[in-house]
Structure formats: C-alpha cells, structure tokens
Amino acid sequence: MSINNEFQYIIKKSNKEYNYLSGKINYCFLLVSILLLDLSYIPLDFI
C-alpha cells in the first residue's frame, strides 16, 4: 500500500512539473509568434 502511495506521489509530482514546463513552452511559443507577427508587419509599414 505504501509503495502504491509513493508511486502516486511521484506521478502527481511529475505531472506538476510537466504542466509547469508545458506552460513555459506555450508561453515561449506565444512570445515567438508575436515577434514573428511584428517582424512580418514591419515591411508593410516601410512600404
């Protein structure tokens, strides 16, 4: 029973870390897409 509890704790911990990492990755993708959009609009502004 204690082994099962330990296993569940490890799964919960890894899920938390995964959610944190995926959140950071999504945030990075959002920043990159905003930067790319800004870069793609710059030539239109110059023309």
PDB file of N, CA and C in Angstrom:
ATOM      1  N   MET A   1       0.831  -1.198   0.000  1.00  0.00           N
ATOM      2  CA  MET A   1       0.000   0.000   0.000  1.00  0.00           C
ATOM      3  C   MET A   1       0.868   1.252   0.000  1.00  0.00           C
ATOM      4  N   SER A   2       1.938   1.233   0.774  1.00  0.00           N
ATOM      5  CA  SER A   2       2.809   2.415   0.845  1.00  0.00           C
ATOM      6  C   SER A   2       3.560   2.614  -0.470  1.00  0.00           C
ATOM      7  N   ILE A   3       3.884   1.505  -1.140  1.00  0.00           N
ATOM      8  CA  ILE A   3       4.562   1.606  -2.441  1.00  0.00           C
ATOM      9  C   ILE A   3       3.624   2.266  -3.442  1.00  0.00           C
ATOM     10  N   ASN A   4       2.355   1.894  -3.402  1.00  0.00           N
ATOM     11  CA  ASN A   4       1.360   2.473  -4.299  1.00  0.00           C
ATOM     12  C   ASN A   4       1.223   3.970  -4.042  1.00  0.00           C
ATOM     13  N   ASN A   5       1.184   4.360  -2.774  1.00  0.00           N
ATOM     14  CA  ASN A   5       1.076   5.778  -2.423  1.00  0.00           C
ATOM     15  C   ASN A   5       2.291   6.546  -2.916  1.00  0.00           C
ATOM     16  N   GLU A   6       3.469   5.955  -2.757  1.00  0.00           N
ATOM     17  CA  GLU A   6       4.700   6.606  -3.216  1.00  0.00           C
ATOM     18  C   GLU A   6       4.659   6.801  -4.729  1.00  0.00           C
ATOM     19  N   PHE A   7       4.182   5.775  -5.424  1.00  0.00           N
ATOM     20  CA  PHE A   7       4.092   5.829  -6.883  1.00  0.00           C
ATOM     21  C   PHE A   7       3.139   6.941  -7.322  1.00  0.00           C
ATOM     22  N   GLN A   8       1.985   7.028  -6.655  1.00  0.00           N
ATOM     23  CA  GLN A   8       1.016   8.074  -6.980  1.00  0.00           C
ATOM     24  C   GLN A   8       1.613   9.450  -6.718  1.00  0.00           C
ATOM     25  N   TYR A   9       2.394   9.587  -5.643  1.00  0.00           N
ATOM     26  CA  TYR A   9       3.028  10.866  -5.327  1.00  0.00           C
ATOM     27  C   TYR A   9       4.009  11.271  -6.427  1.00  0.00           C
ATOM     28  N   ILE A  10       4.782  10.281  -6.894  1.00  0.00           N
ATOM     29  CA  ILE A  10       5.749  10.548  -7.970  1.00  0.00           C
ATOM     30  C   ILE A  10       5.010  10.976  -9.245  1.00  0.00           C
ATOM     31  N   ILE A  11       3.905  10.297  -9.552  1.00  0.00           N
ATOM     32  CA  ILE A  11       3.128  10.641 -10.750  1.00  0.00           C
ATOM     33  C   ILE A  11       2.573  12.059 -10.629  1.00  0.00           C
ATOM     34  N   LYS A  12       2.032  12.397  -9.457  1.00  0.00           N
ATOM     35  CA  LYS A  12       1.494  13.748  -9.261  1.00  0.00           C
ATOM     36  C   LYS A  12       2.588  14.789  -9.404  1.00  0.00           C
ATOM     37  N   LYS A  13       3.761  14.499  -8.831  1.00  0.00           N
ATOM     38  CA  LYS A  13       4.886  15.440  -8.889  1.00  0.00           C
ATOM     39  C   LYS A  13       5.339  15.638 -10.332  1.00  0.00           C
ATOM     40  N   SER A  14       5.465  14.542 -11.078  1.00  0.00           N
ATOM     41  CA  SER A  14       5.905  14.647 -12.469  1.00  0.00           C
ATOM     42  C   SER A  14       4.844  15.359 -13.314  1.00  0.00           C
ATOM     43  N   ASN A  15       3.573  15.147 -13.002  1.00  0.00           N
ATOM     44  CA  ASN A  15       2.509  15.843 -13.724  1.00  0.00           C
ATOM     45  C   ASN A  15       2.587  17.338 -13.476  1.00  0.00           C
ATOM     46  N   LYS A  16       2.864  17.722 -12.219  1.00  0.00           N
ATOM     47  CA  LYS A  16       3.003  19.148 -11.907  1.00  0.00           C
ATOM     48  C   LYS A  16       4.158  19.750 -12.691  1.00  0.00           C
ATOM     49  N   GLU A  17       5.304  19.060 -12.689  1.00  0.00           N
ATOM     50  CA  GLU A  17       6.478  19.556 -13.408  1.00  0.00           C
ATOM     51  C   GLU A  17       6.205  19.617 -14.905  1.00  0.00           C
ATOM     52  N   TYR A  18       5.497  18.627 -15.426  1.00  0.00           N
ATOM     53  CA  TYR A  18       5.168  18.613 -16.856  1.00  0.00           C
ATOM     54  C   TYR A  18       4.256  19.783 -17.206  1.00  0.00           C
ATOM     55  N   ASN A  19       3.239  20.015 -16.366  1.00  0.00           N
ATOM     56  CA  ASN A  19       2.328  21.133 -16.609  1.00  0.00           C
ATOM     57  C   ASN A  19       3.085  22.452 -16.565  1.00  0.00           C
ATOM     58  N   TYR A  20       4.017  22.585 -15.626  1.00  0.00           N
ATOM     59  CA  TYR A  20       4.808  23.807 -15.499  1.00  0.00           C
ATOM     60  C   TYR A  20       5.665  24.015 -16.746  1.00  0.00           C
ATOM     61  N   LEU A  21       6.314  22.937 -17.191  1.00  0.00           N
ATOM     62  CA  LEU A  21       7.169  23.027 -18.380  1.00  0.00           C
ATOM     63  C   LEU A  21       6.353  23.321 -19.626  1.00  0.00           C
ATOM     64  N   SER A  22       5.225  22.643 -19.789  1.00  0.00           N
ATOM     65  CA  SER A  22       4.402  22.864 -20.984  1.00  0.00           C
ATOM     66  C   SER A  22       3.838  24.285 -20.969  1.00  0.00           C
ATOM     67  N   GLY A  23       3.543  24.804 -19.782  1.00  0.00           N
ATOM     68  CA  GLY A  23       3.079  26.182 -19.680  1.00  0.00           C
ATOM     69  C   GLY A  23       4.158  27.152 -20.127  1.00  0.00           C
ATOM     70  N   LYS A  24       5.406  26.883 -19.682  1.00  0.00           N
ATOM     71  CA  LYS A  24       6.522  27.740 -20.091  1.00  0.00           C
ATOM     72  C   LYS A  24       6.739  27.656 -21.597  1.00  0.00           C
ATOM     73  N   ILE A  25       6.648  26.442 -22.147  1.00  0.00           N
ATOM     74  CA  ILE A  25       6.861  26.247 -23.586  1.00  0.00           C
ATOM     75  C   ILE A  25       5.771  26.969 -24.381  1.00  0.00           C
ATOM     76  N   ASN A  26       4.519  26.848 -23.916  1.00  0.00           N
ATOM     77  CA  ASN A  26       3.426  27.556 -24.594  1.00  0.00           C
ATOM     78  C   ASN A  26       3.654  29.059 -24.544  1.00  0.00           C
ATOM     79  N   TYR A  27       4.141  29.563 -23.414  1.00  0.00           N
ATOM     80  CA  TYR A  27       4.423  30.992 -23.272  1.00  0.00           C
ATOM     81  C   TYR A  27       5.515  31.420 -24.244  1.00  0.00           C
ATOM     82  N   CYS A  28       6.547  30.578 -24.376  1.00  0.00           N
ATOM     83  CA  CYS A  28       7.638  30.882 -25.316  1.00  0.00           C
ATOM     84  C   CYS A  28       7.116  30.910 -26.747  1.00  0.00           C
ATOM     85  N   PHE A  29       6.268  29.940 -27.102  1.00  0.00           N
ATOM     86  CA  PHE A  29       5.702  29.911 -28.456  1.00  0.00           C
ATOM     87  C   PHE A  29       4.866  31.156 -28.714  1.00  0.00           C
ATOM     88  N   LEU A  30       4.129  31.586 -27.677  1.00  0.00           N
ATOM     89  CA  LEU A  30       3.302  32.783 -27.815  1.00  0.00           C
ATOM     90  C   LEU A  30       4.185  33.997 -28.075  1.00  0.00           C
ATOM     91  N   LEU A  31       5.269  34.134 -27.302  1.00  0.00           N
ATOM     92  CA  LEU A  31       6.178  35.266 -27.497  1.00  0.00           C
ATOM     93  C   LEU A  31       6.799  35.233 -28.885  1.00  0.00           C
ATOM     94  N   VAL A  32       7.229  34.044 -29.313  1.00  0.00           N
ATOM     95  CA  VAL A  32       7.857  33.911 -30.633  1.00  0.00           C
ATOM     96  C   VAL A  32       6.873  34.266 -31.747  1.00  0.00           C
ATOM     97  N   SER A  33       5.637  33.792 -31.615  1.00  0.00           N
ATOM     98  CA  SER A  33       4.646  34.087 -32.659  1.00  0.00           C
ATOM     99  C   SER A  33       4.343  35.579 -32.708  1.00  0.00           C
ATOM    100  N   ILE A  34       4.313  36.233 -31.533  1.00  0.00           N
ATOM    101  CA  ILE A  34       4.081  37.681 -31.515  1.00  0.00           C
ATOM    102  C   ILE A  34       5.250  38.405 -32.186  1.00  0.00           C
ATOM    103  N   LEU A  35       6.467  37.957 -31.884  1.00  0.00           N
ATOM    104  CA  LEU A  35       7.652  38.571 -32.501  1.00  0.00           C
ATOM    105  C   LEU A  35       7.632  38.378 -34.017  1.00  0.00           C
ATOM    106  N   LEU A  36       7.276  37.171 -34.456  1.00  0.00           N
ATOM    107  CA  LEU A  36       7.229  36.894 -35.894  1.00  0.00           C
ATOM    108  C   LEU A  36       6.161  37.745 -36.565  1.00  0.00           C
ATOM    109  N   LEU A  37       5.021  37.910 -35.903  1.00  0.00           N
ATOM    110  CA  LEU A  37       3.964  38.759 -36.460  1.00  0.00           C
ATOM    111  C   LEU A  37       4.456  40.198 -36.576  1.00  0.00           C
ATOM    112  N   ASP A  38       5.139  40.678 -35.542  1.00  0.00           N
ATOM    113  CA  ASP A  38       5.685  42.034 -35.577  1.00  0.00           C
ATOM    114  C   ASP A  38       6.675  42.179 -36.729  1.00  0.00           C
ATOM    115  N   LEU A  39       7.532  41.170 -36.896  1.00  0.00           N
ATOM    116  CA  LEU A  39       8.533  41.230 -37.965  1.00  0.00           C
ATOM    117  C   LEU A  39       7.869  41.202 -39.335  1.00  0.00           C
ATOM    118  N   SER A  40       6.800  40.443 -39.451  1.00  0.00           N
ATOM    119  CA  SER A  40       6.127  40.348 -40.759  1.00  0.00           C
ATOM    120  C   SER A  40       5.373  41.637 -41.079  1.00  0.00           C
ATOM    121  N   TYR A  41       5.015  42.406 -40.057  1.00  0.00           N
ATOM    122  CA  TYR A  41       4.299  43.663 -40.306  1.00  0.00           C
ATOM    123  C   TYR A  41       5.249  44.829 -40.567  1.00  0.00           C
ATOM    124  N   ILE A  42       6.521  44.687 -40.209  1.00  0.00           N
ATOM    125  CA  ILE A  42       7.470  45.798 -40.392  1.00  0.00           C
ATOM    126  C   ILE A  42       7.617  46.194 -41.871  1.00  0.00           C
ATOM    127  N   PRO A  43       7.823  45.230 -42.809  1.00  0.00           N
ATOM    128  CA  PRO A  43       7.951  45.621 -44.226  1.00  0.00           C
ATOM    129  C   PRO A  43       6.718  46.357 -44.734  1.00  0.00           C
ATOM    130  N   LEU A  44       5.526  45.975 -44.272  1.00  0.00           N
ATOM    131  CA  LEU A  44       4.302  46.648 -44.695  1.00  0.00           C
ATOM    132  C   LEU A  44       4.319  48.107 -44.228  1.00  0.00           C
ATOM    133  N   ASP A  45       4.874  48.326 -43.045  1.00  0.00           N
ATOM    134  CA  ASP A  45       4.954  49.693 -42.536  1.00  0.00           C
ATOM    135  C   ASP A  45       5.934  50.520 -43.373  1.00  0.00           C
ATOM    136  N   PHE A  46       7.026  49.886 -43.804  1.00  0.00           N
ATOM    137  CA  PHE A  46       8.034  50.619 -44.587  1.00  0.00           C
ATOM    138  C   PHE A  46       7.519  50.923 -45.992  1.00  0.00           C
ATOM    139  N   ILE A  47       6.691  50.039 -46.527  1.00  0.00           N
ATOM    140  CA  ILE A  47       6.147  50.268 -47.877  1.00  0.00           C
ATOM    141  C   ILE A  47       5.011  51.246 -47.795  1.00  0.00           C
TER     142      ILE A  47
END
